[in-house]
């Protein structure tokens, strides 16, 4: 039974978890207006709060981990007060900017999928 309160967009995008003193590569598996699910080689050493960047989508969001398993992590984007010096839209009221970025990403993914031969 599906318990999610918001729709998720399935994706398969290269991402980067960045924090002071380190960075880890990851694969973004799904996105929603408030968070994302990541696949990682390991979650060991990743702090509770970090920046998630998705270079191909020109995305950088300040995030916090919600749950972790050995190789998977669910995160939520931080709301106002969560400063991300690399992306000023993540400071203050970034909800509208985040939703617009996700809508654009979803539209570009649909375009790529519809153009791909089956």
N, C-alpha and C. Protein backbone atom coordinates (compact mmCIF):
# COMPACT_ATOMS: atom_id res chain seq x y z
N UNK A 1 0.84 -1.18 0.00
CA UNK A 1 0.00 0.00 0.00
C UNK A 1 0.88 1.24 0.00
N UNK A 2 0.56 2.19 -0.85
CA UNK A 2 1.31 3.43 -0.99
C UNK A 2 0.92 4.41 0.09
N UNK A 3 1.91 4.86 0.89
CA UNK A 3 1.65 5.80 1.98
C UNK A 3 2.22 7.18 1.71
N UNK A 4 2.78 7.42 0.56
CA UNK A 4 3.39 8.70 0.26
C UNK A 4 2.33 9.78 0.13
N UNK A 5 2.65 10.96 0.64
CA UNK A 5 1.71 12.08 0.58
C UNK A 5 1.98 13.00 -0.59
N UNK A 6 3.08 12.79 -1.29
CA UNK A 6 3.41 13.64 -2.43
C UNK A 6 3.95 12.77 -3.56
N UNK A 7 3.73 13.19 -4.81
CA UNK A 7 4.20 12.39 -5.95
C UNK A 7 5.73 12.44 -6.05
N UNK A 8 6.29 11.35 -6.55
CA UNK A 8 7.73 11.28 -6.78
C UNK A 8 7.98 11.06 -8.26
N UNK A 9 9.04 11.68 -8.74
CA UNK A 9 9.46 11.49 -10.13
C UNK A 9 10.64 10.53 -10.12
N UNK A 10 10.47 9.37 -10.76
CA UNK A 10 11.59 8.43 -10.86
C UNK A 10 12.64 9.03 -11.78
N UNK A 11 13.88 8.97 -11.33
CA UNK A 11 15.00 9.47 -12.13
C UNK A 11 16.18 8.53 -11.94
N UNK A 12 17.18 8.71 -12.74
CA UNK A 12 18.43 7.99 -12.61
C UNK A 12 19.51 9.00 -12.98
N UNK A 13 19.87 9.84 -12.01
CA UNK A 13 20.77 10.96 -12.25
C UNK A 13 22.00 10.86 -11.35
N UNK A 14 23.14 11.20 -11.91
CA UNK A 14 24.36 11.29 -11.10
C UNK A 14 24.24 12.49 -10.18
N UNK A 15 24.60 12.29 -8.93
CA UNK A 15 24.55 13.38 -7.96
C UNK A 15 25.82 13.41 -7.12
N UNK A 16 25.93 14.45 -6.32
CA UNK A 16 27.07 14.61 -5.43
C UNK A 16 26.58 15.13 -4.10
N UNK A 17 26.94 14.44 -3.02
CA UNK A 17 26.68 14.91 -1.66
C UNK A 17 27.93 15.67 -1.25
N UNK A 18 27.75 16.93 -0.86
CA UNK A 18 28.89 17.78 -0.51
C UNK A 18 28.71 18.35 0.88
N UNK A 19 29.79 18.39 1.62
CA UNK A 19 29.77 18.94 2.98
C UNK A 19 31.20 19.38 3.31
N UNK A 20 31.37 20.23 4.31
CA UNK A 20 32.72 20.66 4.67
C UNK A 20 33.61 19.45 4.97
N UNK A 21 34.70 19.35 4.25
CA UNK A 21 35.63 18.26 4.49
C UNK A 21 35.40 17.03 3.64
N UNK A 22 34.43 17.04 2.74
CA UNK A 22 34.24 15.84 1.93
C UNK A 22 33.13 15.93 0.91
N UNK A 23 33.07 14.90 0.08
CA UNK A 23 32.03 14.77 -0.93
C UNK A 23 31.92 13.30 -1.32
N UNK A 24 30.72 12.87 -1.66
CA UNK A 24 30.45 11.50 -2.08
C UNK A 24 29.60 11.52 -3.34
N UNK A 25 29.93 10.66 -4.28
CA UNK A 25 29.08 10.47 -5.46
C UNK A 25 27.87 9.64 -5.07
N UNK A 26 26.76 9.88 -5.75
CA UNK A 26 25.54 9.11 -5.50
C UNK A 26 24.72 9.04 -6.77
N UNK A 27 23.67 8.23 -6.74
CA UNK A 27 22.70 8.17 -7.83
C UNK A 27 21.36 8.60 -7.24
N UNK A 28 20.76 9.60 -7.84
CA UNK A 28 19.44 10.06 -7.40
C UNK A 28 18.42 9.17 -8.07
N UNK A 29 17.60 8.46 -7.25
CA UNK A 29 16.64 7.50 -7.77
C UNK A 29 15.24 8.07 -7.91
N UNK A 30 14.86 8.98 -7.02
CA UNK A 30 13.58 9.66 -7.22
C UNK A 30 13.63 11.03 -6.56
N UNK A 31 12.77 11.91 -7.06
CA UNK A 31 12.66 13.27 -6.57
C UNK A 31 11.21 13.59 -6.28
N UNK A 32 10.99 14.39 -5.26
CA UNK A 32 9.66 14.92 -4.97
C UNK A 32 9.84 16.40 -4.67
N UNK A 33 8.75 17.14 -4.50
CA UNK A 33 8.90 18.56 -4.18
C UNK A 33 9.60 18.82 -2.85
N UNK A 34 9.70 17.82 -1.99
CA UNK A 34 10.29 18.04 -0.67
C UNK A 34 11.48 17.17 -0.35
N UNK A 35 11.87 16.26 -1.25
CA UNK A 35 12.99 15.38 -0.93
C UNK A 35 13.41 14.50 -2.09
N UNK A 36 14.30 13.57 -1.78
CA UNK A 36 14.84 12.67 -2.80
C UNK A 36 15.31 11.38 -2.15
N UNK A 37 15.45 10.34 -2.98
CA UNK A 37 16.01 9.07 -2.53
C UNK A 37 17.31 8.86 -3.30
N UNK A 38 18.36 8.46 -2.58
CA UNK A 38 19.68 8.29 -3.17
C UNK A 38 20.19 6.88 -2.99
N UNK A 39 20.94 6.39 -3.97
CA UNK A 39 21.72 5.17 -3.84
C UNK A 39 23.18 5.58 -3.70
N UNK A 40 23.88 4.93 -2.77
CA UNK A 40 25.28 5.25 -2.50
C UNK A 40 26.09 3.97 -2.30
N UNK A 41 27.40 4.03 -2.49
CA UNK A 41 28.22 2.86 -2.16
C UNK A 41 28.14 2.54 -0.67
N UNK A 42 28.06 3.57 0.16
CA UNK A 42 27.94 3.42 1.61
C UNK A 42 27.47 4.75 2.19
N UNK A 43 26.71 4.71 3.27
CA UNK A 43 26.28 5.95 3.92
C UNK A 43 27.22 6.34 5.07
N UNK A 44 28.21 5.51 5.33
CA UNK A 44 29.16 5.78 6.41
C UNK A 44 29.94 7.05 6.10
N UNK A 45 30.02 7.93 7.07
CA UNK A 45 30.79 9.16 6.92
C UNK A 45 30.01 10.34 6.37
N UNK A 46 28.75 10.13 6.02
CA UNK A 46 27.94 11.24 5.50
C UNK A 46 27.22 11.88 6.68
N UNK A 47 27.39 13.20 6.86
CA UNK A 47 26.74 13.86 7.99
C UNK A 47 25.23 13.95 7.82
N UNK A 48 24.55 14.38 8.87
CA UNK A 48 23.09 14.51 8.86
C UNK A 48 22.63 15.61 7.90
N UNK A 49 23.40 16.67 7.78
CA UNK A 49 23.05 17.78 6.89
C UNK A 49 24.15 17.99 5.87
N UNK A 50 23.77 18.27 4.62
CA UNK A 50 24.72 18.37 3.52
C UNK A 50 24.05 19.07 2.34
N UNK A 51 24.81 19.31 1.29
CA UNK A 51 24.26 19.84 0.04
C UNK A 51 24.20 18.71 -0.97
N UNK A 52 23.11 18.62 -1.71
CA UNK A 52 22.98 17.66 -2.80
C UNK A 52 23.03 18.44 -4.10
N UNK A 53 23.95 18.07 -4.97
CA UNK A 53 23.99 18.69 -6.29
C UNK A 53 23.70 17.63 -7.34
N UNK A 54 22.97 18.06 -8.36
CA UNK A 54 22.69 17.23 -9.53
C UNK A 54 23.18 18.06 -10.72
N UNK A 55 24.44 17.89 -11.11
CA UNK A 55 25.03 18.76 -12.13
C UNK A 55 24.25 18.82 -13.44
N UNK A 56 23.74 17.70 -13.93
CA UNK A 56 23.05 17.70 -15.22
C UNK A 56 21.75 18.50 -15.18
N UNK A 57 21.20 18.70 -13.99
CA UNK A 57 19.96 19.47 -13.85
C UNK A 57 20.23 20.86 -13.26
N UNK A 58 21.48 21.18 -13.01
CA UNK A 58 21.88 22.44 -12.41
C UNK A 58 21.12 22.69 -11.10
N UNK A 59 21.11 21.69 -10.27
CA UNK A 59 20.43 21.65 -8.99
C UNK A 59 21.45 21.68 -7.87
N UNK A 60 21.26 22.47 -6.84
CA UNK A 60 22.00 22.35 -5.59
C UNK A 60 21.03 22.70 -4.48
N UNK A 61 20.80 21.75 -3.57
CA UNK A 61 19.88 21.98 -2.46
C UNK A 61 20.53 21.63 -1.15
N UNK A 62 20.23 22.40 -0.14
CA UNK A 62 20.64 22.10 1.22
C UNK A 62 19.66 21.05 1.76
N UNK A 63 20.18 19.96 2.34
CA UNK A 63 19.34 18.82 2.71
C UNK A 63 19.69 18.29 4.10
N UNK A 64 18.79 17.43 4.60
CA UNK A 64 19.07 16.67 5.81
C UNK A 64 18.57 15.25 5.59
N UNK A 65 19.30 14.29 6.15
CA UNK A 65 18.93 12.88 6.02
C UNK A 65 17.70 12.58 6.87
N UNK A 66 16.76 11.82 6.32
CA UNK A 66 15.56 11.41 7.05
C UNK A 66 15.73 9.96 7.52
N UNK A 67 16.20 9.09 6.64
CA UNK A 67 16.52 7.72 7.02
C UNK A 67 17.65 7.21 6.15
N UNK A 68 18.31 6.17 6.65
CA UNK A 68 19.44 5.56 5.94
C UNK A 68 19.37 4.06 6.08
N UNK A 69 19.80 3.39 5.05
CA UNK A 69 20.08 1.96 5.14
C UNK A 69 21.54 1.82 4.73
N UNK A 70 22.00 0.62 4.52
CA UNK A 70 23.41 0.40 4.21
C UNK A 70 23.86 1.17 2.96
N UNK A 71 23.01 1.20 1.94
CA UNK A 71 23.39 1.83 0.66
C UNK A 71 22.32 2.77 0.09
N UNK A 72 21.41 3.19 0.92
CA UNK A 72 20.33 4.05 0.44
C UNK A 72 20.05 5.12 1.48
N UNK A 73 19.62 6.29 1.00
CA UNK A 73 19.31 7.38 1.90
C UNK A 73 18.12 8.16 1.36
N UNK A 74 17.22 8.51 2.26
CA UNK A 74 16.10 9.39 1.92
C UNK A 74 16.40 10.73 2.57
N UNK A 75 16.20 11.80 1.83
CA UNK A 75 16.49 13.12 2.38
C UNK A 75 15.33 14.07 2.16
N UNK A 76 15.33 15.14 2.93
CA UNK A 76 14.38 16.24 2.75
C UNK A 76 15.18 17.50 2.52
N UNK A 77 14.67 18.35 1.63
CA UNK A 77 15.30 19.64 1.43
C UNK A 77 15.04 20.49 2.66
N UNK A 78 16.03 21.25 3.08
CA UNK A 78 15.86 22.11 4.23
C UNK A 78 15.05 23.33 3.85
N UNK A 79 14.22 23.76 4.76
CA UNK A 79 13.38 24.94 4.51
C UNK A 79 14.13 26.19 4.93
N UNK A 80 13.42 27.29 5.09
CA UNK A 80 14.06 28.56 5.39
C UNK A 80 15.00 28.43 6.57
N UNK A 81 16.07 29.15 6.49
CA UNK A 81 17.09 29.08 7.53
C UNK A 81 18.18 28.08 7.19
N UNK A 82 17.92 27.21 6.21
CA UNK A 82 18.94 26.25 5.79
C UNK A 82 19.80 26.88 4.72
N UNK A 83 20.93 27.41 5.10
CA UNK A 83 21.74 28.14 4.14
C UNK A 83 22.63 27.22 3.33
N UNK A 84 22.65 27.46 2.07
CA UNK A 84 23.53 26.75 1.15
C UNK A 84 24.25 27.84 0.37
N UNK A 85 25.48 28.14 0.70
CA UNK A 85 26.19 29.27 0.12
C UNK A 85 26.34 29.15 -1.40
N UNK A 86 26.24 27.93 -1.93
CA UNK A 86 26.39 27.75 -3.38
C UNK A 86 25.09 27.99 -4.13
N UNK A 87 23.97 28.12 -3.44
CA UNK A 87 22.69 28.29 -4.13
C UNK A 87 21.78 29.17 -3.28
N UNK A 88 21.81 30.50 -3.48
CA UNK A 88 21.03 31.40 -2.63
C UNK A 88 19.53 31.10 -2.59
N UNK A 89 18.97 30.44 -3.61
CA UNK A 89 17.53 30.17 -3.57
C UNK A 89 17.18 29.19 -2.46
N UNK A 90 18.17 28.51 -1.89
CA UNK A 90 17.90 27.59 -0.80
C UNK A 90 17.82 28.31 0.54
N UNK A 91 18.07 29.59 0.54
CA UNK A 91 17.96 30.38 1.77
C UNK A 91 16.63 31.11 1.72
N UNK A 92 15.92 31.12 2.80
CA UNK A 92 14.64 31.83 2.81
C UNK A 92 13.56 30.99 2.19
N UNK A 93 12.66 31.61 1.46
CA UNK A 93 11.51 30.92 0.89
C UNK A 93 11.86 30.33 -0.47
N UNK A 94 12.40 29.11 -0.46
CA UNK A 94 12.84 28.49 -1.71
C UNK A 94 11.83 27.49 -2.24
N UNK A 95 10.71 27.30 -1.58
CA UNK A 95 9.75 26.29 -2.01
C UNK A 95 9.30 26.46 -3.44
N UNK A 96 8.96 27.68 -3.85
CA UNK A 96 8.49 27.92 -5.21
C UNK A 96 9.60 27.67 -6.22
N UNK A 97 10.81 28.11 -5.92
CA UNK A 97 11.94 27.89 -6.84
C UNK A 97 12.23 26.40 -6.96
N UNK A 98 12.16 25.66 -5.86
CA UNK A 98 12.41 24.22 -5.89
C UNK A 98 11.35 23.51 -6.71
N UNK A 99 10.09 23.86 -6.50
CA UNK A 99 9.02 23.22 -7.27
C UNK A 99 9.19 23.50 -8.75
N UNK A 100 9.54 24.73 -9.11
CA UNK A 100 9.73 25.07 -10.51
C UNK A 100 10.90 24.28 -11.11
N UNK A 101 11.99 24.15 -10.37
CA UNK A 101 13.14 23.37 -10.85
C UNK A 101 12.75 21.91 -11.05
N UNK A 102 11.96 21.34 -10.14
CA UNK A 102 11.53 19.95 -10.28
C UNK A 102 10.58 19.77 -11.46
N UNK A 103 9.69 20.74 -11.68
CA UNK A 103 8.78 20.67 -12.83
C UNK A 103 9.59 20.69 -14.13
N UNK A 104 10.60 21.56 -14.20
CA UNK A 104 11.44 21.64 -15.39
C UNK A 104 12.22 20.34 -15.60
N UNK A 105 12.76 19.77 -14.51
CA UNK A 105 13.49 18.51 -14.62
C UNK A 105 12.57 17.39 -15.10
N UNK A 106 11.37 17.30 -14.52
CA UNK A 106 10.41 16.27 -14.93
C UNK A 106 10.03 16.43 -16.41
N UNK A 107 9.83 17.66 -16.85
CA UNK A 107 9.47 17.90 -18.26
C UNK A 107 10.61 17.49 -19.18
N UNK A 108 11.84 17.81 -18.81
CA UNK A 108 12.97 17.42 -19.66
C UNK A 108 13.14 15.91 -19.70
N UNK A 109 12.88 15.22 -18.58
CA UNK A 109 12.96 13.76 -18.56
C UNK A 109 11.89 13.15 -19.45
N UNK A 110 10.67 13.67 -19.41
CA UNK A 110 9.60 13.17 -20.28
C UNK A 110 9.96 13.36 -21.73
N UNK A 111 10.57 14.51 -22.06
CA UNK A 111 10.96 14.80 -23.42
C UNK A 111 12.01 13.80 -23.92
N UNK A 112 12.99 13.52 -23.07
CA UNK A 112 14.04 12.56 -23.43
C UNK A 112 13.44 11.18 -23.61
N UNK A 113 12.57 10.78 -22.69
CA UNK A 113 11.96 9.44 -22.79
C UNK A 113 11.10 9.30 -24.05
N UNK A 114 10.34 10.35 -24.39
CA UNK A 114 9.46 10.25 -25.57
C UNK A 114 10.28 10.26 -26.86
N UNK A 115 11.47 10.85 -26.85
CA UNK A 115 12.31 10.89 -28.03
C UNK A 115 13.14 9.63 -28.20
N UNK A 116 13.29 8.85 -27.14
CA UNK A 116 14.10 7.63 -27.18
C UNK A 116 13.36 6.52 -27.90
N UNK A 117 14.07 5.80 -28.78
CA UNK A 117 13.40 4.64 -29.43
C UNK A 117 13.16 3.54 -28.41
N UNK A 118 12.06 2.87 -28.54
CA UNK A 118 11.67 1.81 -27.59
C UNK A 118 12.51 0.61 -27.75
